[in-house]
Amino acid sequence: MPDQNEQPGTIVRQDDRFVAELERNLDHPPALVWQYLVDPARFVDWLAPGEIELRQGGAARLNFVDSGIVIDSTVTGFEPERVLEYSWSSPGEPERPVRFELTGSGPTTLKLRLSCPADEDIARSCAGWEAHLMMLLASIEGVPIKFPFERFQSTRARYNEMI
């Protein structure tokens, strides 16, 4: 049986949206995991270049150079070392909130919750986050990896089966 960090998340439909939750247990204290979520020098290794203003209402900007995707959003949830939330979108696009929650004292549980309109490809979004979480874990362990496309493909198929 695969370990918990290999298990897919869950997807539920709520009215005109899909809501997905992915959870990972990390053998590191929340303060360290938090740094990888908010420090541009660290999140560039697992997410994308950019910056996040660490306050409610602050800017959240990420630039996925290879794909051309630019996130230009606002921080909508912020509790230091516990909660970070912003929309995975740019102005004029639908809101796609992504929320990171940390609990525990080391090991840490990282819960990622994302929401998107029901007419969007939630399986693709979940698979992308699965790949980025794999990159996050590798980065925290000191061995950053490139985007694991094979992981993306296999988990996308599993998520498609859920919806």
N, C-alpha and C. Protein backbone atom coordinates (compact mmCIF):
# COMPACT_ATOMS: atom_id res chain seq x y z
N MET A 1 0.85 -1.18 0.00
CA MET A 1 0.00 0.00 0.00
C MET A 1 0.89 1.24 0.00
N PRO A 2 0.60 2.25 -0.86
CA PRO A 2 1.43 3.45 -0.89
C PRO A 2 1.33 4.23 0.40
N ASP A 3 2.38 4.96 0.74
CA ASP A 3 2.30 5.75 1.96
C ASP A 3 1.35 6.93 1.76
N GLN A 4 1.03 7.60 2.86
CA GLN A 4 0.05 8.69 2.83
C GLN A 4 0.44 9.77 1.85
N ASN A 5 1.73 10.01 1.67
CA ASN A 5 2.16 11.07 0.78
C ASN A 5 2.02 10.69 -0.69
N GLU A 6 1.60 9.46 -0.97
CA GLU A 6 1.33 9.03 -2.34
C GLU A 6 -0.17 8.93 -2.61
N GLN A 7 -0.99 9.10 -1.60
CA GLN A 7 -2.44 8.98 -1.75
C GLN A 7 -3.00 10.23 -2.43
N PRO A 8 -3.99 10.02 -3.31
CA PRO A 8 -4.61 11.19 -3.93
C PRO A 8 -5.47 11.93 -2.92
N GLY A 9 -5.79 13.15 -3.25
CA GLY A 9 -6.67 13.93 -2.40
C GLY A 9 -8.12 13.58 -2.68
N THR A 10 -8.99 14.47 -2.27
CA THR A 10 -10.42 14.28 -2.48
C THR A 10 -10.95 15.45 -3.30
N ILE A 11 -12.02 15.17 -4.03
CA ILE A 11 -12.71 16.21 -4.81
C ILE A 11 -14.19 16.09 -4.51
N VAL A 12 -14.81 17.22 -4.20
CA VAL A 12 -16.26 17.25 -4.04
C VAL A 12 -16.81 18.41 -4.87
N ARG A 13 -18.03 18.23 -5.31
CA ARG A 13 -18.70 19.30 -6.04
C ARG A 13 -19.58 20.06 -5.06
N GLN A 14 -19.42 21.38 -5.03
CA GLN A 14 -20.24 22.23 -4.17
C GLN A 14 -20.87 23.29 -5.06
N ASP A 15 -22.14 23.07 -5.39
CA ASP A 15 -22.88 23.96 -6.29
C ASP A 15 -22.15 24.08 -7.62
N ASP A 16 -21.67 25.28 -7.96
CA ASP A 16 -21.03 25.50 -9.26
C ASP A 16 -19.50 25.46 -9.18
N ARG A 17 -18.97 24.77 -8.15
CA ARG A 17 -17.52 24.71 -7.96
C ARG A 17 -17.10 23.29 -7.60
N PHE A 18 -15.83 23.01 -7.88
CA PHE A 18 -15.18 21.82 -7.34
C PHE A 18 -14.28 22.28 -6.21
N VAL A 19 -14.23 21.50 -5.15
CA VAL A 19 -13.32 21.77 -4.04
C VAL A 19 -12.50 20.51 -3.81
N ALA A 20 -11.19 20.67 -3.79
CA ALA A 20 -10.29 19.54 -3.62
C ALA A 20 -9.42 19.77 -2.39
N GLU A 21 -9.07 18.66 -1.73
CA GLU A 21 -8.15 18.74 -0.59
C GLU A 21 -7.07 17.68 -0.76
N LEU A 22 -5.83 18.12 -0.58
CA LEU A 22 -4.67 17.24 -0.61
C LEU A 22 -3.97 17.42 0.72
N GLU A 23 -3.49 16.34 1.29
CA GLU A 23 -2.84 16.42 2.60
C GLU A 23 -1.52 15.66 2.57
N ARG A 24 -0.52 16.24 3.22
CA ARG A 24 0.79 15.61 3.32
C ARG A 24 1.31 15.74 4.73
N ASN A 25 1.99 14.69 5.20
CA ASN A 25 2.68 14.72 6.49
C ASN A 25 4.16 14.90 6.21
N LEU A 26 4.75 15.87 6.88
CA LEU A 26 6.15 16.18 6.66
C LEU A 26 6.91 16.03 7.98
N ASP A 27 8.05 15.40 7.94
CA ASP A 27 8.85 15.19 9.14
C ASP A 27 9.71 16.41 9.45
N HIS A 28 9.09 17.58 9.41
CA HIS A 28 9.78 18.84 9.65
C HIS A 28 8.87 19.76 10.46
N PRO A 29 9.44 20.69 11.21
CA PRO A 29 8.62 21.61 11.99
C PRO A 29 7.87 22.60 11.10
N PRO A 30 6.71 23.08 11.57
CA PRO A 30 5.93 24.03 10.78
C PRO A 30 6.71 25.27 10.34
N ALA A 31 7.59 25.77 11.19
CA ALA A 31 8.35 26.99 10.83
C ALA A 31 9.18 26.76 9.57
N LEU A 32 9.76 25.60 9.41
CA LEU A 32 10.55 25.31 8.21
C LEU A 32 9.65 25.16 6.99
N VAL A 33 8.56 24.42 7.13
CA VAL A 33 7.63 24.24 6.01
C VAL A 33 7.08 25.61 5.59
N TRP A 34 6.74 26.44 6.56
CA TRP A 34 6.22 27.78 6.29
C TRP A 34 7.20 28.57 5.42
N GLN A 35 8.48 28.49 5.72
CA GLN A 35 9.47 29.23 4.94
C GLN A 35 9.43 28.84 3.46
N TYR A 36 9.20 27.57 3.19
CA TYR A 36 9.11 27.12 1.80
C TYR A 36 7.84 27.61 1.11
N LEU A 37 6.82 27.92 1.89
CA LEU A 37 5.59 28.45 1.31
C LEU A 37 5.65 29.94 1.03
N VAL A 38 6.47 30.68 1.79
CA VAL A 38 6.41 32.15 1.70
C VAL A 38 7.70 32.84 1.29
N ASP A 39 8.83 32.19 1.37
CA ASP A 39 10.12 32.83 1.05
C ASP A 39 10.43 32.65 -0.44
N PRO A 40 10.48 33.75 -1.21
CA PRO A 40 10.74 33.63 -2.65
C PRO A 40 12.00 32.84 -2.99
N ALA A 41 13.02 32.90 -2.14
CA ALA A 41 14.25 32.15 -2.40
C ALA A 41 14.02 30.65 -2.26
N ARG A 42 12.98 30.27 -1.54
CA ARG A 42 12.68 28.84 -1.35
C ARG A 42 11.54 28.36 -2.23
N PHE A 43 10.47 29.17 -2.39
CA PHE A 43 9.37 28.64 -3.20
C PHE A 43 9.68 28.62 -4.68
N VAL A 44 10.73 29.30 -5.11
CA VAL A 44 11.12 29.20 -6.51
C VAL A 44 11.55 27.78 -6.88
N ASP A 45 12.04 27.02 -5.90
CA ASP A 45 12.50 25.64 -6.16
C ASP A 45 11.36 24.64 -6.33
N TRP A 46 10.18 24.97 -5.85
CA TRP A 46 9.09 24.00 -5.95
C TRP A 46 7.82 24.55 -6.60
N LEU A 47 7.76 25.86 -6.79
CA LEU A 47 6.55 26.45 -7.36
C LEU A 47 6.89 27.31 -8.57
N ALA A 48 7.33 28.54 -8.34
CA ALA A 48 7.66 29.44 -9.45
C ALA A 48 8.34 30.68 -8.88
N PRO A 49 9.03 31.43 -9.72
CA PRO A 49 9.55 32.72 -9.26
C PRO A 49 8.40 33.66 -8.94
N GLY A 50 8.61 34.51 -7.97
CA GLY A 50 7.58 35.49 -7.63
C GLY A 50 7.77 36.05 -6.25
N GLU A 51 6.70 36.64 -5.76
CA GLU A 51 6.72 37.20 -4.41
C GLU A 51 5.32 37.20 -3.84
N ILE A 52 5.25 37.10 -2.52
CA ILE A 52 3.99 37.13 -1.81
C ILE A 52 4.16 38.09 -0.64
N GLU A 53 3.31 39.12 -0.60
CA GLU A 53 3.32 40.05 0.53
C GLU A 53 2.60 39.38 1.69
N LEU A 54 3.32 39.18 2.77
CA LEU A 54 2.83 38.38 3.88
C LEU A 54 1.91 39.15 4.81
N ARG A 55 0.71 39.42 4.29
CA ARG A 55 -0.33 40.10 5.07
C ARG A 55 -1.65 39.94 4.34
N GLN A 56 -2.73 39.99 5.08
CA GLN A 56 -4.05 39.97 4.48
C GLN A 56 -4.15 41.15 3.51
N GLY A 57 -4.57 40.92 2.29
CA GLY A 57 -4.67 41.98 1.29
C GLY A 57 -3.39 42.22 0.51
N GLY A 58 -2.30 41.53 0.86
CA GLY A 58 -1.04 41.69 0.15
C GLY A 58 -1.09 41.07 -1.25
N ALA A 59 -0.13 41.43 -2.06
CA ALA A 59 -0.06 40.89 -3.43
C ALA A 59 0.55 39.49 -3.42
N ALA A 60 0.05 38.65 -4.30
CA ALA A 60 0.62 37.33 -4.54
C ALA A 60 0.86 37.23 -6.04
N ARG A 61 2.14 37.22 -6.41
CA ARG A 61 2.50 37.21 -7.84
C ARG A 61 3.49 36.08 -8.10
N LEU A 62 3.13 35.23 -9.05
CA LEU A 62 3.99 34.12 -9.45
C LEU A 62 4.05 34.10 -10.97
N ASN A 63 5.21 33.76 -11.52
CA ASN A 63 5.38 33.74 -12.97
C ASN A 63 5.93 32.39 -13.40
N PHE A 64 5.06 31.57 -13.97
CA PHE A 64 5.45 30.26 -14.49
C PHE A 64 5.98 30.47 -15.90
N VAL A 65 7.26 30.80 -16.00
CA VAL A 65 7.88 31.20 -17.25
C VAL A 65 7.70 30.16 -18.35
N ASP A 66 7.88 28.89 -18.03
CA ASP A 66 7.80 27.84 -19.05
C ASP A 66 6.41 27.70 -19.66
N SER A 67 5.37 27.89 -18.86
CA SER A 67 4.01 27.71 -19.37
C SER A 67 3.34 29.02 -19.77
N GLY A 68 3.92 30.15 -19.36
CA GLY A 68 3.32 31.43 -19.65
C GLY A 68 2.22 31.83 -18.68
N ILE A 69 1.98 31.03 -17.66
CA ILE A 69 0.95 31.34 -16.67
C ILE A 69 1.50 32.35 -15.66
N VAL A 70 0.73 33.39 -15.43
CA VAL A 70 1.09 34.42 -14.45
C VAL A 70 -0.04 34.52 -13.44
N ILE A 71 0.30 34.39 -12.18
CA ILE A 71 -0.65 34.57 -11.10
C ILE A 71 -0.45 35.97 -10.56
N ASP A 72 -1.50 36.76 -10.55
CA ASP A 72 -1.47 38.12 -10.04
C ASP A 72 -2.70 38.27 -9.17
N SER A 73 -2.52 38.03 -7.89
CA SER A 73 -3.65 37.84 -6.99
C SER A 73 -3.43 38.61 -5.69
N THR A 74 -4.33 38.36 -4.76
CA THR A 74 -4.30 39.01 -3.45
C THR A 74 -4.36 37.95 -2.36
N VAL A 75 -3.60 38.15 -1.31
CA VAL A 75 -3.63 37.26 -0.15
C VAL A 75 -4.97 37.45 0.56
N THR A 76 -5.73 36.36 0.65
CA THR A 76 -7.06 36.42 1.26
C THR A 76 -7.13 35.71 2.61
N GLY A 77 -6.07 35.00 2.96
CA GLY A 77 -5.99 34.35 4.26
C GLY A 77 -4.55 34.33 4.71
N PHE A 78 -4.31 34.80 5.93
CA PHE A 78 -2.94 34.84 6.42
C PHE A 78 -2.91 34.75 7.94
N GLU A 79 -2.27 33.72 8.43
CA GLU A 79 -1.94 33.57 9.85
C GLU A 79 -0.51 33.05 9.86
N PRO A 80 0.45 33.83 10.35
CA PRO A 80 1.86 33.43 10.29
C PRO A 80 2.09 32.00 10.77
N GLU A 81 2.84 31.27 9.97
CA GLU A 81 3.24 29.89 10.23
C GLU A 81 2.06 28.92 10.34
N ARG A 82 0.88 29.36 9.86
CA ARG A 82 -0.28 28.47 9.93
C ARG A 82 -1.14 28.47 8.67
N VAL A 83 -1.49 29.65 8.12
CA VAL A 83 -2.41 29.73 6.98
C VAL A 83 -1.91 30.74 5.95
N LEU A 84 -1.95 30.31 4.69
CA LEU A 84 -1.69 31.20 3.56
C LEU A 84 -2.71 30.87 2.48
N GLU A 85 -3.43 31.89 2.01
CA GLU A 85 -4.43 31.67 0.97
C GLU A 85 -4.40 32.83 -0.02
N TYR A 86 -4.50 32.48 -1.29
CA TYR A 86 -4.63 33.47 -2.35
C TYR A 86 -5.30 32.78 -3.53
N SER A 87 -5.73 33.56 -4.50
CA SER A 87 -6.40 32.96 -5.66
C SER A 87 -5.37 32.60 -6.71
N TRP A 88 -5.58 31.45 -7.32
CA TRP A 88 -4.71 30.95 -8.37
C TRP A 88 -5.21 31.52 -9.69
N SER A 89 -5.18 32.87 -9.80
CA SER A 89 -5.72 33.54 -10.97
C SER A 89 -5.10 34.92 -11.11
N SER A 90 -5.46 35.56 -12.19
CA SER A 90 -5.06 36.93 -12.46
C SER A 90 -6.32 37.78 -12.57
N PRO A 91 -6.19 39.12 -12.57
CA PRO A 91 -7.38 39.96 -12.69
C PRO A 91 -8.20 39.58 -13.93
N GLY A 92 -9.52 39.55 -13.76
CA GLY A 92 -10.41 39.21 -14.86
C GLY A 92 -10.69 37.73 -14.99
N GLU A 93 -9.95 36.89 -14.28
CA GLU A 93 -10.18 35.45 -14.31
C GLU A 93 -11.05 35.05 -13.12
N PRO A 94 -11.69 33.88 -13.21
CA PRO A 94 -12.47 33.41 -12.06
C PRO A 94 -11.58 33.20 -10.84
N GLU A 95 -12.16 33.34 -9.67
CA GLU A 95 -11.42 33.06 -8.43
C GLU A 95 -11.15 31.56 -8.34
N ARG A 96 -9.91 31.23 -7.99
CA ARG A 96 -9.50 29.84 -7.77
C ARG A 96 -8.68 29.80 -6.48
N PRO A 97 -9.34 29.95 -5.34
CA PRO A 97 -8.58 30.02 -4.08
C PRO A 97 -7.76 28.75 -3.83
N VAL A 98 -6.53 28.96 -3.39
CA VAL A 98 -5.69 27.87 -2.91
C VAL A 98 -5.29 28.24 -1.49
N ARG A 99 -5.49 27.30 -0.58
CA ARG A 99 -5.24 27.56 0.84
C ARG A 99 -4.29 26.49 1.38
N PHE A 100 -3.23 26.95 2.02
CA PHE A 100 -2.28 26.07 2.68
C PHE A 100 -2.50 26.22 4.18
N GLU A 101 -2.68 25.10 4.87
CA GLU A 101 -2.82 25.12 6.33
C GLU A 101 -1.80 24.16 6.93
N LEU A 102 -1.09 24.64 7.94
CA LEU A 102 -0.10 23.83 8.65
C LEU A 102 -0.59 23.56 10.06
N THR A 103 -0.51 22.30 10.48
CA THR A 103 -0.83 21.94 11.85
C THR A 103 0.24 21.00 12.37
N GLY A 104 0.30 20.86 13.67
CA GLY A 104 1.30 20.01 14.30
C GLY A 104 2.50 20.82 14.74
N SER A 105 3.43 20.12 15.36
CA SER A 105 4.63 20.81 15.85
C SER A 105 5.90 20.16 15.31
N GLY A 106 5.78 19.30 14.36
CA GLY A 106 6.91 18.60 13.77
C GLY A 106 6.91 17.17 14.27
N PRO A 107 6.34 16.26 13.52
CA PRO A 107 5.99 16.44 12.12
C PRO A 107 4.83 17.43 11.92
N THR A 108 4.73 17.89 10.69
CA THR A 108 3.74 18.88 10.31
C THR A 108 2.77 18.27 9.32
N THR A 109 1.50 18.58 9.48
CA THR A 109 0.52 18.22 8.47
C THR A 109 0.26 19.45 7.61
N LEU A 110 0.43 19.28 6.31
CA LEU A 110 0.15 20.34 5.34
C LEU A 110 -1.12 19.95 4.61
N LYS A 111 -2.14 20.80 4.73
CA LYS A 111 -3.38 20.58 3.99
C LYS A 111 -3.48 21.67 2.94
N LEU A 112 -3.67 21.25 1.70
CA LEU A 112 -3.85 22.17 0.60
C LEU A 112 -5.30 22.02 0.13
N ARG A 113 -6.01 23.13 0.10
CA ARG A 113 -7.40 23.13 -0.35
C ARG A 113 -7.49 24.07 -1.54
N LEU A 114 -8.07 23.58 -2.64
CA LEU A 114 -8.24 24.45 -3.79
C LEU A 114 -9.67 24.36 -4.27
N SER A 115 -10.11 25.42 -4.89
CA SER A 115 -11.47 25.52 -5.40
C SER A 115 -11.41 26.16 -6.78
N CYS A 116 -12.24 25.63 -7.69
CA CYS A 116 -12.30 26.22 -9.02
C CYS A 116 -13.71 26.04 -9.58
N PRO A 117 -14.06 26.85 -10.57
CA PRO A 117 -15.38 26.70 -11.18
C PRO A 117 -15.56 25.28 -11.73
N ALA A 118 -16.79 24.78 -11.67
CA ALA A 118 -17.08 23.41 -12.08
C ALA A 118 -16.86 23.18 -13.57
N ASP A 119 -16.77 24.23 -14.36
CA ASP A 119 -16.52 24.03 -15.79
C ASP A 119 -15.02 23.98 -16.12
N GLU A 120 -14.17 24.02 -15.11
CA GLU A 120 -12.72 23.90 -15.33
C GLU A 120 -12.26 22.49 -15.03
N ASP A 121 -11.06 22.17 -15.45
CA ASP A 121 -10.50 20.82 -15.33
C ASP A 121 -9.86 20.64 -13.95
N ILE A 122 -10.67 20.24 -12.97
CA ILE A 122 -10.18 20.07 -11.60
C ILE A 122 -9.15 18.96 -11.52
N ALA A 123 -9.28 17.93 -12.36
CA ALA A 123 -8.30 16.83 -12.35
C ALA A 123 -6.91 17.36 -12.72
N ARG A 124 -6.85 18.24 -13.70
CA ARG A 124 -5.57 18.85 -14.10
C ARG A 124 -5.00 19.69 -12.95
N SER A 125 -5.87 20.46 -12.31
CA SER A 125 -5.40 21.30 -11.19
C SER A 125 -4.86 20.44 -10.05
N CYS A 126 -5.60 19.40 -9.69
CA CYS A 126 -5.15 18.52 -8.60
C CYS A 126 -3.84 17.83 -8.97
N ALA A 127 -3.74 17.35 -10.20
CA ALA A 127 -2.51 16.69 -10.63
C ALA A 127 -1.32 17.65 -10.61
N GLY A 128 -1.56 18.89 -11.00
CA GLY A 128 -0.50 19.89 -10.94
C GLY A 128 -0.04 20.14 -9.52
N TRP A 129 -1.00 20.24 -8.60
CA TRP A 129 -0.63 20.44 -7.20
C TRP A 129 0.06 19.21 -6.61
N GLU A 130 -0.37 18.01 -7.02
CA GLU A 130 0.33 16.79 -6.58
C GLU A 130 1.80 16.88 -6.98
N ALA A 131 2.06 17.27 -8.21
CA ALA A 131 3.44 17.38 -8.69
C ALA A 131 4.20 18.45 -7.91
N HIS A 132 3.56 19.59 -7.67
CA HIS A 132 4.25 20.65 -6.92
C HIS A 132 4.49 20.25 -5.47
N LEU A 133 3.58 19.49 -4.88
CA LEU A 133 3.83 19.02 -3.51
C LEU A 133 5.00 18.04 -3.48
N MET A 134 5.11 17.23 -4.50
CA MET A 134 6.27 16.34 -4.60
C MET A 134 7.56 17.17 -4.69
N MET A 135 7.52 18.24 -5.46
CA MET A 135 8.67 19.14 -5.57
C MET A 135 8.96 19.83 -4.24
N LEU A 136 7.90 20.21 -3.51
CA LEU A 136 8.07 20.83 -2.19
C LEU A 136 8.79 19.89 -1.25
N LEU A 137 8.32 18.64 -1.17
CA LEU A 137 8.94 17.67 -0.27
C LEU A 137 10.42 17.46 -0.63
N ALA A 138 10.72 17.36 -1.91
CA ALA A 138 12.11 17.18 -2.34
C ALA A 138 12.95 18.40 -1.98
N SER A 139 12.38 19.57 -2.18
CA SER A 139 13.11 20.81 -1.87
C SER A 139 13.42 20.92 -0.38
N ILE A 140 12.44 20.60 0.47
CA ILE A 140 12.67 20.64 1.91
C ILE A 140 13.75 19.65 2.31
N GLU A 141 13.81 18.53 1.62
CA GLU A 141 14.85 17.52 1.90
C GLU A 141 16.21 17.91 1.34
N GLY A 142 16.27 19.04 0.61
CA GLY A 142 17.55 19.52 0.08
C GLY A 142 17.92 18.94 -1.27
N VAL A 143 16.96 18.31 -1.96
CA VAL A 143 17.22 17.74 -3.28
C VAL A 143 16.14 18.20 -4.25
N PRO A 144 16.13 19.49 -4.60
CA PRO A 144 15.08 20.00 -5.50
C PRO A 144 15.03 19.19 -6.80
N ILE A 145 13.81 19.02 -7.32
CA ILE A 145 13.61 18.28 -8.57
C ILE A 145 12.84 19.15 -9.55
N LYS A 146 12.92 18.77 -10.82
CA LYS A 146 12.13 19.44 -11.84
C LYS A 146 10.70 18.92 -11.77
N PHE A 147 9.79 19.61 -12.43
CA PHE A 147 8.39 19.22 -12.43
C PHE A 147 8.26 17.76 -12.87
N PRO A 148 7.68 16.91 -12.01
CA PRO A 148 7.57 15.48 -12.32
C PRO A 148 6.37 15.20 -13.23
N PHE A 149 6.59 15.31 -14.52
CA PHE A 149 5.50 15.19 -15.48
C PHE A 149 4.82 13.82 -15.43
N GLU A 150 5.59 12.76 -15.16
CA GLU A 150 5.00 11.43 -15.06
C GLU A 150 4.01 11.37 -13.89
N ARG A 151 4.38 11.98 -12.78
CA ARG A 151 3.48 12.04 -11.62
C ARG A 151 2.22 12.81 -11.99
N PHE A 152 2.39 13.91 -12.68
CA PHE A 152 1.26 14.71 -13.13
C PHE A 152 0.30 13.85 -13.97
N GLN A 153 0.83 13.13 -14.93
CA GLN A 153 -0.01 12.33 -15.82
C GLN A 153 -0.75 11.22 -15.07
N SER A 154 -0.04 10.50 -14.21
CA SER A 154 -0.68 9.39 -13.50
C SER A 154 -1.73 9.88 -12.51
N THR A 155 -1.46 10.96 -11.81
CA THR A 155 -2.45 11.44 -10.85
C THR A 155 -3.61 12.13 -11.56
N ARG A 156 -3.38 12.73 -12.71
CA ARG A 156 -4.48 13.33 -13.45
C ARG A 156 -5.49 12.25 -13.84
N ALA A 157 -5.00 11.11 -14.28
CA ALA A 157 -5.89 10.01 -14.65
C ALA A 157 -6.70 9.55 -13.42
N ARG A 158 -6.04 9.44 -12.27
CA ARG A 158 -6.76 9.02 -11.05
C ARG A 158 -7.81 10.04 -10.64
N TYR A 159 -7.47 11.33 -10.75
CA TYR A 159 -8.45 12.37 -10.39
C TYR A 159 -9.61 12.38 -11.38
N ASN A 160 -9.34 12.14 -12.65
CA ASN A 160 -10.44 12.09 -13.63
C ASN A 160 -11.43 10.99 -13.28
N GLU A 161 -10.94 9.90 -12.72
CA GLU A 161 -11.82 8.81 -12.32
C GLU A 161 -12.73 9.21 -11.16
N MET A 162 -12.32 10.22 -10.38
CA MET A 162 -13.10 10.64 -9.21
C MET A 162 -14.30 11.52 -9.58
N ILE A 163 -14.21 12.16 -10.74
CA ILE A 163 -15.28 13.14 -11.06
C ILE A 163 -16.26 12.63 -12.09
